[in-house]
Protein backbone atom coordinates (compact mmCIF):
# COMPACT_ATOMS: atom_id res chain seq x y z
CA MET A 1 -98.96 208.63 253.48
CA ASP A 2 -95.49 209.36 252.24
CA MET A 3 -94.43 209.22 248.50
CA ILE A 4 -92.63 205.76 248.87
CA THR A 5 -96.01 204.22 250.17
CA ASP A 6 -98.06 205.87 247.43
CA ILE A 7 -95.73 204.58 244.71
CA SER A 8 -95.62 201.07 246.19
CA THR A 9 -99.37 200.78 246.44
CA ALA A 10 -99.96 202.22 243.05
CA ASN A 11 -97.63 199.83 241.35
CA PRO A 12 -96.79 196.58 242.92
CA ALA A 13 -93.54 196.42 240.84
CA ALA A 14 -92.26 199.42 242.54
CA ALA A 15 -89.37 198.89 244.79
CA ALA A 16 -89.49 200.17 248.48
CA VAL A 17 -86.46 202.49 247.83
CA GLY A 18 -87.94 205.57 246.07
CA GLY A 19 -90.14 203.77 243.68
CA LEU A 20 -87.31 202.37 241.69
CA THR A 21 -87.84 198.77 240.44
CA SER A 22 -85.26 196.10 239.82
CA TYR A 23 -85.17 194.08 236.52
CA ALA A 24 -86.26 191.00 238.43
CA LYS A 25 -89.21 192.68 240.03
CA ALA A 26 -90.37 194.41 236.85
CA THR A 27 -90.32 191.16 234.92
CA LYS A 28 -92.16 189.34 237.72
CA ALA A 29 -94.96 191.96 237.79
CA ALA A 30 -95.04 191.82 233.89
CA VAL A 31 -93.99 195.54 233.60
CA GLN A 32 -93.15 196.26 230.01
CA LEU A 33 -89.49 197.59 230.23
CA VAL A 34 -89.27 197.91 226.32
CA GLN A 35 -91.37 200.07 224.02
CA PRO A 36 -92.73 197.61 221.45
CA GLN A 37 -92.65 199.89 218.58
CA THR A 38 -89.31 201.35 219.00
CA LEU A 39 -87.55 198.93 221.14
CA THR A 40 -86.25 201.62 223.51
CA ASN A 41 -86.37 201.87 227.19
CA SER A 42 -89.93 202.62 228.50
CA TYR A 43 -88.63 204.11 231.80
CA ASP A 44 -85.71 206.17 233.15
CA ILE A 45 -82.82 204.01 234.08
CA HIS A 46 -81.10 204.60 237.48
CA CYS A 47 -78.09 203.27 239.45
CA SER A 48 -79.19 200.43 241.67
CA MET A 49 -77.03 201.60 244.58
CA CYS A 50 -77.59 205.57 244.72
CA ARG A 51 -80.61 206.07 242.59
CA SER A 52 -78.71 208.54 240.31
CA LEU A 53 -80.21 208.96 236.82
CA VAL A 54 -78.18 207.05 234.31
CA LEU A 55 -80.34 207.16 231.06
CA LYS A 56 -83.62 209.00 230.23
CA ARG A 57 -86.56 207.07 228.86
CA GLY A 58 -86.40 206.43 225.18
CA VAL A 59 -82.77 206.85 224.81
CA ALA A 60 -81.36 203.25 224.80
CA LYS A 61 -82.36 200.63 222.37
CA LYS A 62 -82.79 196.78 223.27
CA GLN A 63 -80.20 194.48 221.94
CA PRO A 64 -79.90 190.84 222.48
CA SER A 65 -76.89 189.94 224.58
CA ASP A 66 -74.11 187.58 223.56
CA SER A 67 -74.21 184.67 226.05
CA ALA A 68 -70.48 184.83 226.20
CA VAL A 69 -70.29 188.27 227.72
CA GLN A 70 -69.54 188.21 231.35
CA LEU A 71 -69.03 191.26 233.55
CA PRO A 72 -67.35 191.30 236.92
CA LEU A 73 -69.55 191.44 239.95
CA PRO A 74 -69.80 194.70 241.77
CA ALA A 75 -67.46 194.64 244.82
CA ALA A 76 -70.28 195.04 247.16
CA THR A 77 -71.98 191.87 245.90
CA GLN A 78 -68.86 189.76 244.91
CA ASP A 79 -68.95 186.14 245.90
CA PRO A 80 -65.25 185.10 246.69
CA SER A 81 -65.69 181.96 244.62
CA THR A 82 -66.50 183.87 241.51
CA SER A 83 -65.70 187.25 240.04
CA THR A 84 -67.99 187.20 236.96
CA TYR A 85 -71.33 186.03 235.93
CA PRO A 86 -73.14 185.75 232.63
CA LEU A 87 -75.75 188.43 231.79
CA VAL A 88 -79.01 187.29 232.97
CA PRO A 89 -81.79 189.05 231.07
CA GLY A 90 -80.98 188.10 227.66
CA TYR A 91 -80.66 191.69 226.39
CA LEU A 92 -78.70 194.85 227.01
CA TRP A 93 -79.58 198.52 226.41
CA VAL A 94 -77.40 199.88 223.76
CA VAL A 95 -76.57 203.66 223.39
CA ASN A 96 -74.77 204.96 220.36
CA ASP A 97 -73.62 208.26 221.69
CA MET A 98 -71.74 208.54 225.01
CA MET A 99 -73.04 212.00 225.46
CA ALA A 100 -76.67 210.41 225.75
CA PHE A 101 -75.92 209.29 229.30
CA GLU A 102 -76.88 211.46 232.19
CA ASN A 103 -74.44 209.98 234.72
CA VAL A 104 -71.96 207.48 233.85
CA GLY A 105 -68.21 206.66 234.41
CA PHE A 106 -65.67 204.76 232.21
CA THR A 107 -62.83 202.67 233.36
CA LYS A 108 -59.48 202.58 231.64
CA ALA A 109 -59.19 199.80 229.16
CA VAL A 110 -59.20 196.30 230.64
CA PRO A 111 -55.82 194.84 230.65
CA GLY A 112 -54.95 191.82 228.60
CA GLY A 113 -58.03 192.11 226.52
CA ASP A 114 -59.53 193.87 223.54
CA ASP A 115 -59.55 197.45 225.17
CA THR A 116 -62.92 196.85 226.52
CA ARG A 117 -64.00 199.70 229.12
CA TYR A 118 -66.48 198.99 231.86
CA LEU A 119 -69.26 201.55 232.63
CA SER A 120 -70.16 202.50 236.23
CA CYS A 121 -72.31 205.01 238.06
CA ALA A 122 -70.39 208.29 238.14
CA ASP A 123 -71.77 209.21 241.54
CA CYS A 124 -71.06 206.20 243.68
CA ASP A 125 -68.80 204.30 241.34
CA ILE A 126 -70.81 201.10 241.70
CA GLY A 127 -70.22 198.80 238.58
CA PRO A 128 -69.69 197.61 236.33
CA ILE A 129 -73.22 198.32 235.03
CA GLY A 130 -72.17 197.68 231.40
CA TYR A 131 -69.28 197.95 228.96
CA HIS A 132 -67.97 199.71 225.87
CA PRO A 133 -66.25 197.31 223.41
CA ALA A 134 -63.37 199.34 221.83
CA ARG A 135 -63.79 197.44 218.51
CA VAL A 136 -67.30 198.94 218.24
CA PRO A 137 -66.61 202.65 218.79
CA LYS A 138 -70.25 203.71 218.84
CA ALA A 139 -71.62 200.97 221.20
CA PHE A 140 -72.17 201.51 224.99
CA LEU A 141 -74.04 198.63 226.55
CA ILE A 142 -75.82 198.59 229.92
CA ALA A 143 -76.83 195.39 231.41
CA ALA A 144 -80.63 195.40 232.02
CA ASP A 145 -80.27 193.49 235.41
CA ARG A 146 -77.53 195.82 236.77
CA VAL A 147 -79.80 198.94 236.92
CA ARG A 148 -83.27 200.00 238.29
CA TYR A 149 -86.29 201.43 236.63
CA ASN A 150 -88.43 204.38 237.47
CA VAL A 151 -91.73 202.53 237.03
CA VAL A 152 -94.43 204.92 238.37
């Protein structure tokens, strides 16, 4: 038996790709992604495309999302009829120090706006996985449904 089979058998929420689980699968399997006492991430957070580590466990804090926030869809999944969609999970992971990330890239400021910068995986450039609103200098937000979790 290989590692992928072992992980999938041990935890039904584990995805077929290297034991990483999507937000939807974790929620469906009732996996607790948030530490109840600290409201921090219970598992390492990885890129959904290349599996690169984005944040270590316990680094990000849960924050309710603003329903008005919309992120562009990654180019690989973009539907030509729409270019953005509202954040699904109802919460974001917030990090107060950009140096807390293991692997993330930042875009230039989005033109015609409030200088928001999008966050992407620094290895494969998939994104946006989150954003940094310039009006809040110490807030880097990751969409809970744009990443995968190392649930083992």
